[in-house]
């Protein structure tokens, strides 16, 4: 279940979820792209994960940090998963790991592979030694100890926030007082994606949050897609499947992971 975020971590951690889920049998779960970085600390068994269509990226990891990406991951499981999963903002990459999120774009790595997170490498062992109810507190305390005041330039942070919410690139450039070209350079330097890619992922993320709650045509209209066909085309490109397939295969799992919440 989602834990309340400590106020000091709120700008850097979008969600902190302890999960302990019986999936009813072996299978593959889709890890969808979005506007946050994903940090997973499994308990009991390492996480078997790789990018869809890229067999060489697949591995069993006791910690997995993935940067922003525009394609799905595949998590292979034996029917049961437990651990802690965090969604980190782009600002969180600097504040917690001492690097811009751009350095992790498209990455799928263990903590041991990231030079500047040595103090967090004990987390898998610590989580294995405590009761399930203590796991989120252990992770939160570790992050608070590592927290720094490093942050993106204010105008870049504002630009990323507005792009994620659906503002056009031209609107955002005018808001922060930069040309579109200069804005693109700054955004890419911070998160590794172009402003248009950030906007696209934000729109996809908003649609994911309401699928299963409203008809697809309404979801498309609410989230800024031209129509339902456009939404479906984007889902195939970013998730590797139409939204109807995702709802059929993934929605029961997500309901178990976040009771009362249809989002991932």
C-alpha atoms as a PDB file:
ATOM      1  CA  UNK A   1       0.000   0.000   0.000  1.00  0.00           C
ATOM      2  CA  UNK A   2       1.079   3.582  -0.589  1.00  0.00           C
ATOM      3  CA  UNK A   3       2.762   5.212   2.377  1.00  0.00           C
ATOM      4  CA  UNK A   4       2.430   8.870   3.330  1.00  0.00           C
ATOM      5  CA  UNK A   5       5.474  10.763   2.045  1.00  0.00           C
ATOM      6  CA  UNK A   6       7.626  12.587   4.597  1.00  0.00           C
ATOM      7  CA  UNK A   7       7.330  16.356   3.914  1.00  0.00           C
ATOM      8  CA  UNK A   8      11.090  16.654   3.344  1.00  0.00           C
ATOM      9  CA  UNK A   9      10.901  13.968   0.642  1.00  0.00           C
ATOM     10  CA  UNK A  10       7.690  15.156  -1.018  1.00  0.00           C
ATOM     11  CA  UNK A  11       9.405  17.135  -3.830  1.00  0.00           C
ATOM     12  CA  UNK A  12      11.531  14.112  -4.699  1.00  0.00           C
ATOM     13  CA  UNK A  13       9.404  11.004  -4.077  1.00  0.00           C
ATOM     14  CA  UNK A  14       6.079  10.878  -5.917  1.00  0.00           C
ATOM     15  CA  UNK A  15       5.053   7.584  -4.317  1.00  0.00           C
ATOM     16  CA  UNK A  16       6.413   5.017  -1.877  1.00  0.00           C
ATOM     17  CA  UNK A  17       4.634   1.672  -2.041  1.00  0.00           C
ATOM     18  CA  UNK A  18       5.140  -1.490  -0.018  1.00  0.00           C
ATOM     19  CA  UNK A  19       3.719  -4.453  -1.940  1.00  0.00           C
ATOM     20  CA  UNK A  20       3.062  -8.066  -1.010  1.00  0.00           C
ATOM     21  CA  UNK A  21       0.963  -9.561  -3.783  1.00  0.00           C
ATOM     22  CA  UNK A  22      -0.186 -13.078  -4.683  1.00  0.00           C
ATOM     23  CA  UNK A  23      -0.653 -12.990  -8.463  1.00  0.00           C
ATOM     24  CA  UNK A  24      -2.144 -16.447  -8.711  1.00  0.00           C
ATOM     25  CA  UNK A  25       0.562 -17.959 -10.898  1.00  0.00           C
ATOM     26  CA  UNK A  26       3.649 -17.177 -12.983  1.00  0.00           C
ATOM     27  CA  UNK A  27       3.428 -14.422 -15.549  1.00  0.00           C
ATOM     28  CA  UNK A  28       4.818 -11.170 -16.925  1.00  0.00           C
ATOM     29  CA  UNK A  29       3.869  -7.737 -15.629  1.00  0.00           C
ATOM     30  CA  UNK A  30       4.317  -4.632 -17.788  1.00  0.00           C
ATOM     31  CA  UNK A  31       6.272  -1.747 -16.315  1.00  0.00           C
ATOM     32  CA  UNK A  32       4.938   1.292 -18.133  1.00  0.00           C
ATOM     33  CA  UNK A  33       6.806   4.503 -18.962  1.00  0.00           C
ATOM     34  CA  UNK A  34       5.993   7.752 -17.209  1.00  0.00           C
ATOM     35  CA  UNK A  35       7.413  11.032 -15.999  1.00  0.00           C
ATOM     36  CA  UNK A  36       9.093   9.578 -12.898  1.00  0.00           C
ATOM     37  CA  UNK A  37      12.078   7.296 -12.336  1.00  0.00           C
ATOM     38  CA  UNK A  38      11.375   3.897 -10.795  1.00  0.00           C
ATOM     39  CA  UNK A  39      13.316   2.459  -7.854  1.00  0.00           C
ATOM     40  CA  UNK A  40      12.413  -1.091  -6.770  1.00  0.00           C
ATOM     41  CA  UNK A  41      13.724  -3.032  -3.777  1.00  0.00           C
ATOM     42  CA  UNK A  42      12.346  -6.593  -3.912  1.00  0.00           C
ATOM     43  CA  UNK A  43      12.175  -8.873  -0.890  1.00  0.00           C
ATOM     44  CA  UNK A  44      12.368 -12.678  -0.959  1.00  0.00           C
ATOM     45  CA  UNK A  45      13.413 -13.020  -4.594  1.00  0.00           C
ATOM     46  CA  UNK A  46      15.341 -10.662  -6.886  1.00  0.00           C
ATOM     47  CA  UNK A  47      13.342  -8.762  -9.468  1.00  0.00           C
ATOM     48  CA  UNK A  48      13.526 -10.415 -12.909  1.00  0.00           C
ATOM     49  CA  UNK A  49      13.204  -7.451 -15.239  1.00  0.00           C
ATOM     50  CA  UNK A  50      14.292  -6.220 -18.657  1.00  0.00           C
ATOM     51  CA  UNK A  51      13.156  -3.909 -21.427  1.00  0.00           C
ATOM     52  CA  UNK A  52      10.521  -5.399 -23.708  1.00  0.00           C
ATOM     53  CA  UNK A  53      12.147  -6.729 -26.878  1.00  0.00           C
ATOM     54  CA  UNK A  54      15.681  -6.457 -25.445  1.00  0.00           C
ATOM     55  CA  UNK A  55      16.737  -9.829 -24.051  1.00  0.00           C
ATOM     56  CA  UNK A  56      20.201  -8.572 -23.124  1.00  0.00           C
ATOM     57  CA  UNK A  57      18.756  -6.060 -20.658  1.00  0.00           C
ATOM     58  CA  UNK A  58      16.971  -8.757 -18.648  1.00  0.00           C
ATOM     59  CA  UNK A  59      18.474  -9.680 -15.302  1.00  0.00           C
ATOM     60  CA  UNK A  60      17.644 -10.690 -11.726  1.00  0.00           C
ATOM     61  CA  UNK A  61      18.394  -7.735  -9.482  1.00  0.00           C
ATOM     62  CA  UNK A  62      18.098  -7.085  -5.746  1.00  0.00           C
ATOM     63  CA  UNK A  63      17.663  -3.395  -6.521  1.00  0.00           C
ATOM     64  CA  UNK A  64      16.511  -1.844  -9.769  1.00  0.00           C
ATOM     65  CA  UNK A  65      16.774   1.810 -10.724  1.00  0.00           C
ATOM     66  CA  UNK A  66      15.297   2.783 -14.071  1.00  0.00           C
ATOM     67  CA  UNK A  67      15.478   6.199 -15.674  1.00  0.00           C
ATOM     68  CA  UNK A  68      12.882   7.845 -17.864  1.00  0.00           C
ATOM     69  CA  UNK A  69      12.045   5.791 -20.938  1.00  0.00           C
ATOM     70  CA  UNK A  70       9.482   5.657 -23.731  1.00  0.00           C
ATOM     71  CA  UNK A  71       8.983   1.884 -23.885  1.00  0.00           C
ATOM     72  CA  UNK A  72       7.737  -0.780 -21.457  1.00  0.00           C
ATOM     73  CA  UNK A  73       9.695  -3.050 -19.173  1.00  0.00           C
ATOM     74  CA  UNK A  74       8.780  -6.692 -18.583  1.00  0.00           C
ATOM     75  CA  UNK A  75       8.804  -8.040 -15.027  1.00  0.00           C
ATOM     76  CA  UNK A  76       8.785 -11.825 -14.925  1.00  0.00           C
ATOM     77  CA  UNK A  77       7.401 -13.377 -11.741  1.00  0.00           C
ATOM     78  CA  UNK A  78       6.563 -16.768 -10.270  1.00  0.00           C
ATOM     79  CA  UNK A  79       3.167 -15.681  -8.967  1.00  0.00           C
ATOM     80  CA  UNK A  80       4.250 -13.758  -5.880  1.00  0.00           C
ATOM     81  CA  UNK A  81       6.014 -10.434  -5.412  1.00  0.00           C
ATOM     82  CA  UNK A  82       7.017  -8.463  -2.330  1.00  0.00           C
ATOM     83  CA  UNK A  83       9.132  -5.410  -1.719  1.00  0.00           C
ATOM     84  CA  UNK A  84       9.124  -1.623  -1.879  1.00  0.00           C
ATOM     85  CA  UNK A  85       8.708   0.475  -5.025  1.00  0.00           C
ATOM     86  CA  UNK A  86       9.285   4.215  -5.344  1.00  0.00           C
ATOM     87  CA  UNK A  87       8.479   6.713  -8.073  1.00  0.00           C
ATOM     88  CA  UNK A  88      11.116   9.459  -7.998  1.00  0.00           C
ATOM     89  CA  UNK A  89      10.751  12.876  -9.562  1.00  0.00           C
ATOM     90  CA  UNK A  90      13.470  14.223 -11.824  1.00  0.00           C
ATOM     91  CA  UNK A  91      14.461  16.522  -8.957  1.00  0.00           C
ATOM     92  CA  UNK A  92      14.797  13.408  -6.810  1.00  0.00           C
ATOM     93  CA  UNK A  93      17.630  12.126  -8.980  1.00  0.00           C
ATOM     94  CA  UNK A  94      19.741  15.114  -7.968  1.00  0.00           C
ATOM     95  CA  UNK A  95      18.622  15.290  -4.347  1.00  0.00           C
ATOM     96  CA  UNK A  96      18.959  11.566  -3.597  1.00  0.00           C
ATOM     97  CA  UNK A  97      21.538  10.276  -6.083  1.00  0.00           C
ATOM     98  CA  UNK A  98      23.584  13.389  -6.786  1.00  0.00           C
ATOM     99  CA  UNK A  99      23.057  13.361 -10.548  1.00  0.00           C
ATOM    100  CA  UNK A 100      20.613  14.731 -13.100  1.00  0.00           C
ATOM    101  CA  UNK A 101      17.958  12.292 -14.254  1.00  0.00           C
ATOM    102  CA  UNK A 102      19.494  12.588 -17.738  1.00  0.00           C
ATOM    103  CA  UNK A 103      22.359  10.346 -16.607  1.00  0.00           C
ATOM    104  CA  UNK A 104      19.872   7.532 -16.022  1.00  0.00           C
ATOM    105  CA  UNK A 105      17.664   7.952 -19.106  1.00  0.00           C
ATOM    106  CA  UNK A 106      16.896   4.528 -20.571  1.00  0.00           C
ATOM    107  CA  UNK A 107      18.937   2.859 -17.814  1.00  0.00           C
ATOM    108  CA  UNK A 108      17.977  -0.298 -15.950  1.00  0.00           C
ATOM    109  CA  UNK A 109      20.636  -0.810 -13.287  1.00  0.00           C
ATOM    110  CA  UNK A 110      21.359  -1.994  -9.765  1.00  0.00           C
ATOM    111  CA  UNK A 111      22.474   0.333  -7.002  1.00  0.00           C
ATOM    112  CA  UNK A 112      25.940  -1.246  -7.173  1.00  0.00           C
ATOM    113  CA  UNK A 113      26.288   0.149 -10.696  1.00  0.00           C
ATOM    114  CA  UNK A 114      25.675   3.758  -9.617  1.00  0.00           C
ATOM    115  CA  UNK A 115      28.756   5.347  -8.096  1.00  0.00           C
ATOM    116  CA  UNK A 116      27.018   8.010  -6.029  1.00  0.00           C
ATOM    117  CA  UNK A 117      24.541   5.871  -4.061  1.00  0.00           C
ATOM    118  CA  UNK A 118      26.944   3.788  -1.994  1.00  0.00           C
ATOM    119  CA  UNK A 119      25.133   4.655   1.237  1.00  0.00           C
ATOM    120  CA  UNK A 120      21.886   3.107  -0.060  1.00  0.00           C
ATOM    121  CA  UNK A 121      23.371  -0.221  -1.100  1.00  0.00           C
ATOM    122  CA  UNK A 122      22.605  -1.788   2.267  1.00  0.00           C
ATOM    123  CA  UNK A 123      18.843  -1.421   1.741  1.00  0.00           C
ATOM    124  CA  UNK A 124      18.156  -4.878   0.190  1.00  0.00           C
ATOM    125  CA  UNK A 125      19.785  -6.629   3.156  1.00  0.00           C
ATOM    126  CA  UNK A 126      18.039  -4.389   5.680  1.00  0.00           C
ATOM    127  CA  UNK A 127      14.617  -4.955   4.134  1.00  0.00           C
ATOM    128  CA  UNK A 128      15.135  -8.715   4.197  1.00  0.00           C
ATOM    129  CA  UNK A 129      15.755  -8.588   7.949  1.00  0.00           C
ATOM    130  CA  UNK A 130      12.662  -6.622   9.055  1.00  0.00           C
ATOM    131  CA  UNK A 131       8.941  -7.247   9.270  1.00  0.00           C
ATOM    132  CA  UNK A 132       6.819  -6.163   6.258  1.00  0.00           C
ATOM    133  CA  UNK A 133       5.239  -3.341   8.254  1.00  0.00           C
ATOM    134  CA  UNK A 134       8.672  -1.792   8.838  1.00  0.00           C
ATOM    135  CA  UNK A 135       9.870  -1.718   5.230  1.00  0.00           C
ATOM    136  CA  UNK A 136       8.641   1.709   4.146  1.00  0.00           C
ATOM    137  CA  UNK A 137      10.035   3.334   7.290  1.00  0.00           C
ATOM    138  CA  UNK A 138      13.450   1.758   6.665  1.00  0.00           C
ATOM    139  CA  UNK A 139      13.533   3.108   3.106  1.00  0.00           C
ATOM    140  CA  UNK A 140      12.278   6.540   4.143  1.00  0.00           C
ATOM    141  CA  UNK A 141      14.917   6.874   6.867  1.00  0.00           C
ATOM    142  CA  UNK A 142      17.681   5.904   4.437  1.00  0.00           C
ATOM    143  CA  UNK A 143      16.522   8.466   1.892  1.00  0.00           C
ATOM    144  CA  UNK A 144      16.274  11.212   4.504  1.00  0.00           C
ATOM    145  CA  UNK A 145      19.884  10.560   5.516  1.00  0.00           C
ATOM    146  CA  UNK A 146      21.028  10.925   1.894  1.00  0.00           C
ATOM    147  CA  UNK A 147      18.894  13.934   1.034  1.00  0.00           C
ATOM    148  CA  UNK A 148      20.767  16.987  -0.251  1.00  0.00           C
ATOM    149  CA  UNK A 149      19.583  20.404  -1.353  1.00  0.00           C
ATOM    150  CA  UNK A 150      20.645  19.805  -4.955  1.00  0.00           C
ATOM    151  CA  UNK A 151      17.843  20.726  -7.354  1.00  0.00           C
ATOM    152  CA  UNK A 152      17.344  21.598 -11.023  1.00  0.00           C
ATOM    153  CA  UNK A 153      17.371  25.260 -11.965  1.00  0.00           C
ATOM    154  CA  UNK A 154      13.976  26.665 -10.877  1.00  0.00           C
ATOM    155  CA  UNK A 155      12.908  27.536 -14.409  1.00  0.00           C
ATOM    156  CA  UNK A 156      13.762  24.020 -15.604  1.00  0.00           C
ATOM    157  CA  UNK A 157      11.782  22.450 -12.781  1.00  0.00           C
ATOM    158  CA  UNK A 158       8.829  24.705 -13.628  1.00  0.00           C
ATOM    159  CA  UNK A 159       9.105  23.824 -17.306  1.00  0.00           C
ATOM    160  CA  UNK A 160       9.115  20.092 -16.583  1.00  0.00           C
ATOM    161  CA  UNK A 161       6.084  20.423 -14.321  1.00  0.00           C
ATOM    162  CA  UNK A 162       4.113  22.370 -16.927  1.00  0.00           C
ATOM    163  CA  UNK A 163       5.052  20.007 -19.755  1.00  0.00           C
ATOM    164  CA  UNK A 164       3.974  17.048 -17.654  1.00  0.00           C
ATOM    165  CA  UNK A 165       0.591  18.688 -17.076  1.00  0.00           C
ATOM    166  CA  UNK A 166       0.087  19.190 -20.829  1.00  0.00           C
ATOM    167  CA  UNK A 167       1.176  22.749 -21.617  1.00  0.00           C
ATOM    168  CA  UNK A 168       2.561  23.147 -25.131  1.00  0.00           C
ATOM    169  CA  UNK A 169       6.276  23.566 -25.699  1.00  0.00           C
ATOM    170  CA  UNK A 170       5.677  27.107 -27.014  1.00  0.00           C
ATOM    171  CA  UNK A 171       3.634  28.026 -23.921  1.00  0.00           C
ATOM    172  CA  UNK A 172       6.313  26.708 -21.610  1.00  0.00           C
ATOM    173  CA  UNK A 173       9.126  28.443 -23.494  1.00  0.00           C
ATOM    174  CA  UNK A 174       7.256  31.751 -23.236  1.00  0.00           C
ATOM    175  CA  UNK A 175       6.556  31.166 -19.542  1.00  0.00           C
ATOM    176  CA  UNK A 176      10.209  30.628 -18.620  1.00  0.00           C
ATOM    177  CA  UNK A 177      11.493  33.245 -21.057  1.00  0.00           C
ATOM    178  CA  UNK A 178      13.568  31.005 -23.321  1.00  0.00           C
ATOM    179  CA  UNK A 179      13.526  30.122 -26.984  1.00  0.00           C
ATOM    180  CA  UNK A 180      12.186  26.669 -27.805  1.00  0.00           C
ATOM    181  CA  UNK A 181      15.687  25.594 -28.777  1.00  0.00           C
ATOM    182  CA  UNK A 182      17.245  26.731 -25.501  1.00  0.00           C
ATOM    183  CA  UNK A 183      14.384  25.171 -23.529  1.00  0.00           C
ATOM    184  CA  UNK A 184      14.979  21.877 -25.322  1.00  0.00           C
ATOM    185  CA  UNK A 185      18.676  21.972 -24.456  1.00  0.00           C
ATOM    186  CA  UNK A 186      17.971  22.591 -20.762  1.00  0.00           C
ATOM    187  CA  UNK A 187      15.220  19.968 -20.511  1.00  0.00           C
ATOM    188  CA  UNK A 188      17.327  17.319 -22.255  1.00  0.00           C
ATOM    189  CA  UNK A 189      20.242  18.133 -19.985  1.00  0.00           C
ATOM    190  CA  UNK A 190      18.074  17.625 -16.908  1.00  0.00           C
ATOM    191  CA  UNK A 191      15.997  14.555 -17.755  1.00  0.00           C
ATOM    192  CA  UNK A 192      17.400  13.154 -21.016  1.00  0.00           C
ATOM    193  CA  UNK A 193      14.219  13.672 -23.025  1.00  0.00           C
ATOM    194  CA  UNK A 194      12.998  16.455 -25.287  1.00  0.00           C
ATOM    195  CA  UNK A 195      10.192  18.743 -24.089  1.00  0.00           C
ATOM    196  CA  UNK A 196       7.808  17.071 -26.533  1.00  0.00           C
ATOM    197  CA  UNK A 197       8.711  13.632 -25.169  1.00  0.00           C
ATOM    198  CA  UNK A 198       8.088  14.807 -21.604  1.00  0.00           C
ATOM    199  CA  UNK A 199       4.713  16.189 -22.666  1.00  0.00           C
ATOM    200  CA  UNK A 200       3.868  12.933 -24.436  1.00  0.00           C
ATOM    201  CA  UNK A 201       4.708  10.845 -21.359  1.00  0.00           C
ATOM    202  CA  UNK A 202       2.681  13.181 -19.152  1.00  0.00           C
ATOM    203  CA  UNK A 203      -0.365  12.717 -21.364  1.00  0.00           C
ATOM    204  CA  UNK A 204       0.105   8.945 -21.363  1.00  0.00           C
ATOM    205  CA  UNK A 205       0.481   8.950 -17.568  1.00  0.00           C
ATOM    206  CA  UNK A 206      -2.747  10.909 -17.134  1.00  0.00           C
ATOM    207  CA  UNK A 207      -4.617   8.463 -19.352  1.00  0.00           C
ATOM    208  CA  UNK A 208      -3.255   5.506 -17.400  1.00  0.00           C
ATOM    209  CA  UNK A 209      -4.559   7.004 -14.169  1.00  0.00           C
ATOM    210  CA  UNK A 210      -8.188   7.082 -15.359  1.00  0.00           C
ATOM    211  CA  UNK A 211      -8.431   3.960 -17.539  1.00  0.00           C
ATOM    212  CA  UNK A 212     -10.982   1.565 -16.115  1.00  0.00           C
ATOM    213  CA  UNK A 213     -12.849   4.456 -14.503  1.00  0.00           C
ATOM    214  CA  UNK A 214     -14.227   6.193 -17.606  1.00  0.00           C
ATOM    215  CA  UNK A 215     -14.899   5.072 -21.209  1.00  0.00           C
ATOM    216  CA  UNK A 216     -11.883   5.168 -23.534  1.00  0.00           C
ATOM    217  CA  UNK A 217     -13.354   7.938 -25.655  1.00  0.00           C
ATOM    218  CA  UNK A 218     -13.786  10.098 -22.567  1.00  0.00           C
ATOM    219  CA  UNK A 219     -10.266   9.296 -21.386  1.00  0.00           C
ATOM    220  CA  UNK A 220      -8.930  10.377 -24.777  1.00  0.00           C
ATOM    221  CA  UNK A 221     -10.843  13.662 -24.637  1.00  0.00           C
ATOM    222  CA  UNK A 222      -9.827  14.426 -21.039  1.00  0.00           C
ATOM    223  CA  UNK A 223      -6.141  13.756 -21.622  1.00  0.00           C
ATOM    224  CA  UNK A 224      -5.686  15.708 -24.841  1.00  0.00           C
ATOM    225  CA  UNK A 225      -5.677  12.964 -27.479  1.00  0.00           C
ATOM    226  CA  UNK A 226      -7.324  13.717 -30.808  1.00  0.00           C
ATOM    227  CA  UNK A 227      -9.688  10.765 -30.374  1.00  0.00           C
ATOM    228  CA  UNK A 228      -9.854   7.190 -29.064  1.00  0.00           C
ATOM    229  CA  UNK A 229      -7.847   5.909 -32.035  1.00  0.00           C
ATOM    230  CA  UNK A 230      -5.044   8.327 -31.213  1.00  0.00           C
ATOM    231  CA  UNK A 231      -5.037   7.165 -27.575  1.00  0.00           C
ATOM    232  CA  UNK A 232      -4.895   3.523 -28.652  1.00  0.00           C
ATOM    233  CA  UNK A 233      -2.049   4.192 -31.081  1.00  0.00           C
ATOM    234  CA  UNK A 234      -0.029   5.908 -28.363  1.00  0.00           C
ATOM    235  CA  UNK A 235      -0.646   3.046 -25.945  1.00  0.00           C
ATOM    236  CA  UNK A 236       0.630   0.515 -28.468  1.00  0.00           C
ATOM    237  CA  UNK A 237       3.742   2.648 -29.003  1.00  0.00           C
ATOM    238  CA  UNK A 238       4.496   3.333 -25.325  1.00  0.00           C
ATOM    239  CA  UNK A 239       3.027   0.334 -23.498  1.00  0.00           C
ATOM    240  CA  UNK A 240       3.386  -2.342 -26.165  1.00  0.00           C
ATOM    241  CA  UNK A 241      -0.348  -3.098 -26.103  1.00  0.00           C
ATOM    242  CA  UNK A 242      -3.744  -1.401 -26.540  1.00  0.00           C
ATOM    243  CA  UNK A 243      -5.357   0.006 -23.390  1.00  0.00           C
ATOM    244  CA  UNK A 244      -8.017  -2.719 -23.477  1.00  0.00           C
ATOM    245  CA  UNK A 245      -5.305  -5.395 -23.227  1.00  0.00           C
ATOM    246  CA  UNK A 246      -3.624  -3.583 -20.338  1.00  0.00           C
ATOM    247  CA  UNK A 247      -6.911  -3.307 -18.479  1.00  0.00           C
ATOM    248  CA  UNK A 248      -7.620  -7.005 -18.923  1.00  0.00           C
ATOM    249  CA  UNK A 249      -4.154  -8.210 -17.943  1.00  0.00           C
ATOM    250  CA  UNK A 250      -2.890  -5.624 -15.478  1.00  0.00           C
ATOM    251  CA  UNK A 251      -5.821  -3.924 -13.785  1.00  0.00           C
ATOM    252  CA  UNK A 252      -6.512  -6.730 -11.249  1.00  0.00           C
ATOM    253  CA  UNK A 253      -2.833  -6.683 -10.227  1.00  0.00           C
ATOM    254  CA  UNK A 254      -2.845  -2.904  -9.807  1.00  0.00           C
ATOM    255  CA  UNK A 255      -6.005  -3.020  -7.718  1.00  0.00           C
ATOM    256  CA  UNK A 256      -4.232  -5.438  -5.358  1.00  0.00           C
ATOM    257  CA  UNK A 257      -1.127  -3.252  -5.257  1.00  0.00           C
ATOM    258  CA  UNK A 258      -3.065  -0.018  -4.627  1.00  0.00           C
ATOM    259  CA  UNK A 259      -6.411  -0.877  -3.003  1.00  0.00           C
ATOM    260  CA  UNK A 260      -9.039   1.648  -4.045  1.00  0.00           C
ATOM    261  CA  UNK A 261      -6.814   3.159  -6.740  1.00  0.00           C
ATOM    262  CA  UNK A 262      -6.911   2.264 -10.412  1.00  0.00           C
ATOM    263  CA  UNK A 263      -3.544   3.846 -11.172  1.00  0.00           C
ATOM    264  CA  UNK A 264      -0.116   2.217 -11.229  1.00  0.00           C
END
